[in-house]
PDB file of N, CA and C in Angstrom:
ATOM      1  N   MET A   1      21.364  14.166 -18.788  1.00  0.00           N
ATOM      2  CA  MET A   1      21.612  12.772 -18.507  1.00  0.00           C
ATOM      3  C   MET A   1      21.638  12.561 -16.985  1.00  0.00           C
ATOM      4  N   PRO A   2      21.017  11.499 -16.496  1.00  0.00           N
ATOM      5  CA  PRO A   2      21.040  11.210 -15.057  1.00  0.00           C
ATOM      6  C   PRO A   2      22.462  10.921 -14.551  1.00  0.00           C
ATOM      7  N   HIS A   3      22.670  11.210 -13.292  1.00  0.00           N
ATOM      8  CA  HIS A   3      23.943  10.925 -12.623  1.00  0.00           C
ATOM      9  C   HIS A   3      23.650  10.174 -11.336  1.00  0.00           C
ATOM     10  N   ALA A   4      24.591   9.350 -10.896  1.00  0.00           N
ATOM     11  CA  ALA A   4      24.405   8.601  -9.649  1.00  0.00           C
ATOM     12  C   ALA A   4      25.734   8.354  -8.965  1.00  0.00           C
ATOM     13  N   THR A   5      25.675   8.307  -7.634  1.00  0.00           N
ATOM     14  CA  THR A   5      26.840   7.880  -6.875  1.00  0.00           C
ATOM     15  C   THR A   5      26.919   6.358  -6.968  1.00  0.00           C
ATOM     16  N   GLU A   6      28.023   5.807  -6.562  1.00  0.00           N
ATOM     17  CA  GLU A   6      28.157   4.352  -6.488  1.00  0.00           C
ATOM     18  C   GLU A   6      27.280   3.829  -5.356  1.00  0.00           C
ATOM     19  N   TRP A   7      26.858   2.577  -5.460  1.00  0.00           N
ATOM     20  CA  TRP A   7      26.123   1.948  -4.361  1.00  0.00           C
ATOM     21  C   TRP A   7      27.043   1.854  -3.159  1.00  0.00           C
ATOM     22  N   GLN A   8      26.538   2.203  -1.980  1.00  0.00           N
ATOM     23  CA  GLN A   8      27.285   2.135  -0.730  1.00  0.00           C
ATOM     24  C   GLN A   8      26.548   1.231   0.245  1.00  0.00           C
ATOM     25  N   ASP A   9      27.288   0.397   0.964  1.00  0.00           N
ATOM     26  CA  ASP A   9      26.694  -0.453   1.992  1.00  0.00           C
ATOM     27  C   ASP A   9      26.569   0.333   3.292  1.00  0.00           C
ATOM     28  N   ASP A  10      25.499   0.048   4.067  1.00  0.00           N
ATOM     29  CA  ASP A  10      25.378   0.683   5.372  1.00  0.00           C
ATOM     30  C   ASP A  10      26.358   0.025   6.343  1.00  0.00           C
ATOM     31  N   ALA A  11      26.431   0.562   7.542  1.00  0.00           N
ATOM     32  CA  ALA A  11      27.397   0.089   8.533  1.00  0.00           C
ATOM     33  C   ALA A  11      27.227  -1.390   8.877  1.00  0.00           C
ATOM     34  N   LYS A  12      25.992  -1.895   8.792  1.00  0.00           N
ATOM     35  CA  LYS A  12      25.736  -3.293   9.115  1.00  0.00           C
ATOM     36  C   LYS A  12      25.819  -4.203   7.892  1.00  0.00           C
ATOM     37  N   GLY A  13      25.980  -3.607   6.707  1.00  0.00           N
ATOM     38  CA  GLY A  13      26.046  -4.404   5.487  1.00  0.00           C
ATOM     39  C   GLY A  13      24.715  -4.998   5.074  1.00  0.00           C
ATOM     40  N   GLN A  14      23.621  -4.426   5.574  1.00  0.00           N
ATOM     41  CA  GLN A  14      22.302  -4.973   5.292  1.00  0.00           C
ATOM     42  C   GLN A  14      21.571  -4.258   4.162  1.00  0.00           C
ATOM     43  N   ARG A  15      21.935  -3.018   3.896  1.00  0.00           N
ATOM     44  CA  ARG A  15      21.283  -2.237   2.843  1.00  0.00           C
ATOM     45  C   ARG A  15      22.330  -1.555   1.988  1.00  0.00           C
ATOM     46  N   ARG A  16      21.936  -1.332   0.748  1.00  0.00           N
ATOM     47  CA  ARG A  16      22.782  -0.566  -0.165  1.00  0.00           C
ATOM     48  C   ARG A  16      22.005   0.689  -0.541  1.00  0.00           C
ATOM     49  N   ALA A  17      22.706   1.790  -0.708  1.00  0.00           N
ATOM     50  CA  ALA A  17      22.045   3.048  -1.051  1.00  0.00           C
ATOM     51  C   ALA A  17      22.911   3.834  -2.028  1.00  0.00           C
ATOM     52  N   ARG A  18      22.248   4.713  -2.793  1.00  0.00           N
ATOM     53  CA  ARG A  18      22.951   5.621  -3.695  1.00  0.00           C
ATOM     54  C   ARG A  18      22.091   6.855  -3.893  1.00  0.00           C
ATOM     55  N   VAL A  19      22.717   7.949  -4.248  1.00  0.00           N
ATOM     56  CA  VAL A  19      22.015   9.188  -4.549  1.00  0.00           C
ATOM     57  C   VAL A  19      22.014   9.351  -6.061  1.00  0.00           C
ATOM     58  N   ILE A  20      20.842   9.683  -6.618  1.00  0.00           N
ATOM     59  CA  ILE A  20      20.752   9.902  -8.058  1.00  0.00           C
ATOM     60  C   ILE A  20      20.174  11.288  -8.330  1.00  0.00           C
ATOM     61  N   SER A  21      20.517  11.820  -9.489  1.00  0.00           N
ATOM     62  CA  SER A  21      19.992  13.097  -9.961  1.00  0.00           C
ATOM     63  C   SER A  21      19.404  12.855 -11.346  1.00  0.00           C
ATOM     64  N   ILE A  22      18.130  13.226 -11.518  1.00  0.00           N
ATOM     65  CA  ILE A  22      17.437  13.027 -12.787  1.00  0.00           C
ATOM     66  C   ILE A  22      16.958  14.386 -13.289  1.00  0.00           C
ATOM     67  N   PRO A  23      17.259  14.730 -14.552  1.00  0.00           N
ATOM     68  CA  PRO A  23      16.874  16.039 -15.085  1.00  0.00           C
ATOM     69  C   PRO A  23      15.370  16.221 -15.211  1.00  0.00           C
ATOM     70  N   ALA A  24      14.934  17.479 -15.162  1.00  0.00           N
ATOM     71  CA  ALA A  24      13.526  17.825 -15.383  1.00  0.00           C
ATOM     72  C   ALA A  24      13.103  17.346 -16.765  1.00  0.00           C
ATOM     73  N   GLY A  25      11.846  16.923 -16.883  1.00  0.00           N
ATOM     74  CA  GLY A  25      11.295  16.471 -18.152  1.00  0.00           C
ATOM     75  C   GLY A  25      11.461  14.990 -18.407  1.00  0.00           C
ATOM     76  N   MET A  26      12.265  14.323 -17.606  1.00  0.00           N
ATOM     77  CA  MET A  26      12.495  12.888 -17.745  1.00  0.00           C
ATOM     78  C   MET A  26      11.646  12.167 -16.702  1.00  0.00           C
ATOM     79  N   THR A  27      11.117  11.009 -17.037  1.00  0.00           N
ATOM     80  CA  THR A  27      10.399  10.236 -16.020  1.00  0.00           C
ATOM     81  C   THR A  27      11.414   9.540 -15.123  1.00  0.00           C
ATOM     82  N   LEU A  28      10.974   9.187 -13.940  1.00  0.00           N
ATOM     83  CA  LEU A  28      11.843   8.469 -13.016  1.00  0.00           C
ATOM     84  C   LEU A  28      12.285   7.143 -13.638  1.00  0.00           C
ATOM     85  N   GLU A  29      11.363   6.448 -14.294  1.00  0.00           N
ATOM     86  CA  GLU A  29      11.689   5.161 -14.927  1.00  0.00           C
ATOM     87  C   GLU A  29      12.751   5.325 -16.001  1.00  0.00           C
ATOM     88  N   SER A  30      12.629   6.328 -16.857  1.00  0.00           N
ATOM     89  CA  SER A  30      13.622   6.495 -17.925  1.00  0.00           C
ATOM     90  C   SER A  30      14.970   6.911 -17.355  1.00  0.00           C
ATOM     91  N   GLY A  31      14.964   7.683 -16.275  1.00  0.00           N
ATOM     92  CA  GLY A  31      16.223   8.047 -15.624  1.00  0.00           C
ATOM     93  C   GLY A  31      16.922   6.843 -15.023  1.00  0.00           C
ATOM     94  N   LEU A  32      16.151   5.987 -14.341  1.00  0.00           N
ATOM     95  CA  LEU A  32      16.736   4.779 -13.758  1.00  0.00           C
ATOM     96  C   LEU A  32      17.204   3.819 -14.852  1.00  0.00           C
ATOM     97  N   ARG A  33      16.448   3.725 -15.930  1.00  0.00           N
ATOM     98  CA  ARG A  33      16.844   2.864 -17.051  1.00  0.00           C
ATOM     99  C   ARG A  33      18.187   3.335 -17.637  1.00  0.00           C
ATOM    100  N   ALA A  34      18.357   4.649 -17.770  1.00  0.00           N
ATOM    101  CA  ALA A  34      19.599   5.203 -18.311  1.00  0.00           C
ATOM    102  C   ALA A  34      20.789   4.904 -17.399  1.00  0.00           C
ATOM    103  N   LEU A  35      20.553   4.847 -16.102  1.00  0.00           N
ATOM    104  CA  LEU A  35      21.625   4.542 -15.154  1.00  0.00           C
ATOM    105  C   LEU A  35      22.016   3.071 -15.178  1.00  0.00           C
ATOM    106  N   GLY A  36      21.066   2.206 -15.526  1.00  0.00           N
ATOM    107  CA  GLY A  36      21.337   0.767 -15.550  1.00  0.00           C
ATOM    108  C   GLY A  36      21.261   0.152 -14.165  1.00  0.00           C
ATOM    109  N   SER A  37      21.421  -1.138 -14.108  1.00  0.00           N
ATOM    110  CA  SER A  37      21.451  -1.972 -12.888  1.00  0.00           C
ATOM    111  C   SER A  37      20.102  -2.121 -12.200  1.00  0.00           C
ATOM    112  N   PHE A  38      19.009  -1.759 -12.860  1.00  0.00           N
ATOM    113  CA  PHE A  38      17.674  -1.971 -12.309  1.00  0.00           C
ATOM    114  C   PHE A  38      16.970  -3.034 -13.139  1.00  0.00           C
ATOM    115  N   SER A  39      16.238  -3.915 -12.475  1.00  0.00           N
ATOM    116  CA  SER A  39      15.540  -4.985 -13.180  1.00  0.00           C
ATOM    117  C   SER A  39      14.319  -4.430 -13.911  1.00  0.00           C
ATOM    118  N   GLU A  40      13.828  -5.185 -14.881  1.00  0.00           N
ATOM    119  CA  GLU A  40      12.615  -4.782 -15.587  1.00  0.00           C
ATOM    120  C   GLU A  40      11.442  -4.689 -14.619  1.00  0.00           C
ATOM    121  N   ARG A  41      11.413  -5.556 -13.638  1.00  0.00           N
ATOM    122  CA  ARG A  41      10.351  -5.511 -12.623  1.00  0.00           C
ATOM    123  C   ARG A  41      10.415  -4.206 -11.828  1.00  0.00           C
ATOM    124  N   GLU A  42      11.619  -3.808 -11.394  1.00  0.00           N
ATOM    125  CA  GLU A  42      11.779  -2.553 -10.666  1.00  0.00           C
ATOM    126  C   GLU A  42      11.375  -1.362 -11.540  1.00  0.00           C
ATOM    127  N   LEU A  43      11.781  -1.387 -12.798  1.00  0.00           N
ATOM    128  CA  LEU A  43      11.460  -0.290 -13.711  1.00  0.00           C
ATOM    129  C   LEU A  43       9.959  -0.205 -13.984  1.00  0.00           C
ATOM    130  N   ALA A  44       9.310  -1.351 -14.166  1.00  0.00           N
ATOM    131  CA  ALA A  44       7.862  -1.361 -14.409  1.00  0.00           C
ATOM    132  C   ALA A  44       7.111  -0.819 -13.203  1.00  0.00           C
ATOM    133  N   ARG A  45       7.519  -1.200 -12.013  1.00  0.00           N
ATOM    134  CA  ARG A  45       6.869  -0.713 -10.786  1.00  0.00           C
ATOM    135  C   ARG A  45       7.072   0.795 -10.633  1.00  0.00           C
ATOM    136  N   THR A  46       8.269   1.262 -10.928  1.00  0.00           N
ATOM    137  CA  THR A  46       8.558   2.695 -10.863  1.00  0.00           C
ATOM    138  C   THR A  46       7.685   3.460 -11.851  1.00  0.00           C
ATOM    139  N   ALA A  47       7.548   2.948 -13.077  1.00  0.00           N
ATOM    140  CA  ALA A  47       6.719   3.605 -14.091  1.00  0.00           C
ATOM    141  C   ALA A  47       5.254   3.645 -13.655  1.00  0.00           C
ATOM    142  N   GLU A  48       4.813   2.601 -12.992  1.00  0.00           N
ATOM    143  CA  GLU A  48       3.430   2.542 -12.502  1.00  0.00           C
ATOM    144  C   GLU A  48       3.185   3.574 -11.398  1.00  0.00           C
ATOM    145  N   LEU A  49       4.125   3.687 -10.483  1.00  0.00           N
ATOM    146  CA  LEU A  49       3.966   4.590  -9.339  1.00  0.00           C
ATOM    147  C   LEU A  49       4.240   6.053  -9.676  1.00  0.00           C
ATOM    148  N   HIS A  50       5.123   6.297 -10.651  1.00  0.00           N
ATOM    149  CA  HIS A  50       5.555   7.663 -10.981  1.00  0.00           C
ATOM    150  C   HIS A  50       5.560   7.849 -12.502  1.00  0.00           C
ATOM    151  N   PRO A  51       4.368   7.907 -13.140  1.00  0.00           N
ATOM    152  CA  PRO A  51       4.308   7.946 -14.604  1.00  0.00           C
ATOM    153  C   PRO A  51       4.621   9.302 -15.240  1.00  0.00           C
ATOM    154  N   GLU A  52       4.492  10.380 -14.494  1.00  0.00           N
ATOM    155  CA  GLU A  52       4.644  11.720 -15.068  1.00  0.00           C
ATOM    156  C   GLU A  52       6.116  12.148 -15.125  1.00  0.00           C
ATOM    157  N   PRO A  53       6.476  12.940 -16.143  1.00  0.00           N
ATOM    158  CA  PRO A  53       7.837  13.508 -16.178  1.00  0.00           C
ATOM    159  C   PRO A  53       8.063  14.404 -14.960  1.00  0.00           C
ATOM    160  N   LEU A  54       9.297  14.482 -14.523  1.00  0.00           N
ATOM    161  CA  LEU A  54       9.652  15.305 -13.372  1.00  0.00           C
ATOM    162  C   LEU A  54       9.601  16.781 -13.759  1.00  0.00           C
ATOM    163  N   ASN A  55       9.097  17.636 -12.869  1.00  0.00           N
ATOM    164  CA  ASN A  55       8.991  19.075 -13.139  1.00  0.00           C
ATOM    165  C   ASN A  55      10.301  19.805 -12.947  1.00  0.00           C
ATOM    166  N   THR A  56      11.086  19.354 -12.003  1.00  0.00           N
ATOM    167  CA  THR A  56      12.368  19.991 -11.707  1.00  0.00           C
ATOM    168  C   THR A  56      13.418  18.909 -11.602  1.00  0.00           C
ATOM    169  N   GLU A  57      14.679  19.307 -11.669  1.00  0.00           N
ATOM    170  CA  GLU A  57      15.725  18.309 -11.450  1.00  0.00           C
ATOM    171  C   GLU A  57      15.518  17.725 -10.067  1.00  0.00           C
ATOM    172  N   THR A  58      15.595  16.417  -9.963  1.00  0.00           N
ATOM    173  CA  THR A  58      15.271  15.726  -8.726  1.00  0.00           C
ATOM    174  C   THR A  58      16.453  14.911  -8.240  1.00  0.00           C
ATOM    175  N   MET A  59      16.729  15.002  -6.945  1.00  0.00           N
ATOM    176  CA  MET A  59      17.735  14.156  -6.322  1.00  0.00           C
ATOM    177  C   MET A  59      17.023  13.208  -5.385  1.00  0.00           C
ATOM    178  N   LEU A  60      17.344  11.935  -5.485  1.00  0.00           N
ATOM    179  CA  LEU A  60      16.697  10.899  -4.681  1.00  0.00           C
ATOM    180  C   LEU A  60      17.739  10.018  -4.007  1.00  0.00           C
ATOM    181  N   MET A  61      17.371   9.467  -2.856  1.00  0.00           N
ATOM    182  CA  MET A  61      18.196   8.438  -2.209  1.00  0.00           C
ATOM    183  C   MET A  61      17.464   7.130  -2.397  1.00  0.00           C
ATOM    184  N   LEU A  62      18.100   6.198  -3.080  1.00  0.00           N
ATOM    185  CA  LEU A  62      17.508   4.891  -3.311  1.00  0.00           C
ATOM    186  C   LEU A  62      18.175   3.865  -2.426  1.00  0.00           C
ATOM    187  N   GLN A  63      17.385   2.928  -1.924  1.00  0.00           N
ATOM    188  CA  GLN A  63      17.918   1.839  -1.099  1.00  0.00           C
ATOM    189  C   GLN A  63      17.479   0.513  -1.669  1.00  0.00           C
ATOM    190  N   ARG A  64      18.305  -0.478  -1.453  1.00  0.00           N
ATOM    191  CA  ARG A  64      17.974  -1.856  -1.830  1.00  0.00           C
ATOM    192  C   ARG A  64      18.189  -2.730  -0.638  1.00  0.00           C
TER     193      ARG A  64
END
């Protein structure tokens, strides 16, 4: 199951970021969907850009 830190604001309050961990064999889109708080538009774009399952457990820094 994917894991994520809470969203954190940067020092200027202009961006939010979090670190996520997604298990091998899961697509990035399905991992983000399991975490919640992503729009269907964001999920569709992620699926388009990264359609293949991940080969290894992956840690990512996401920003909004």
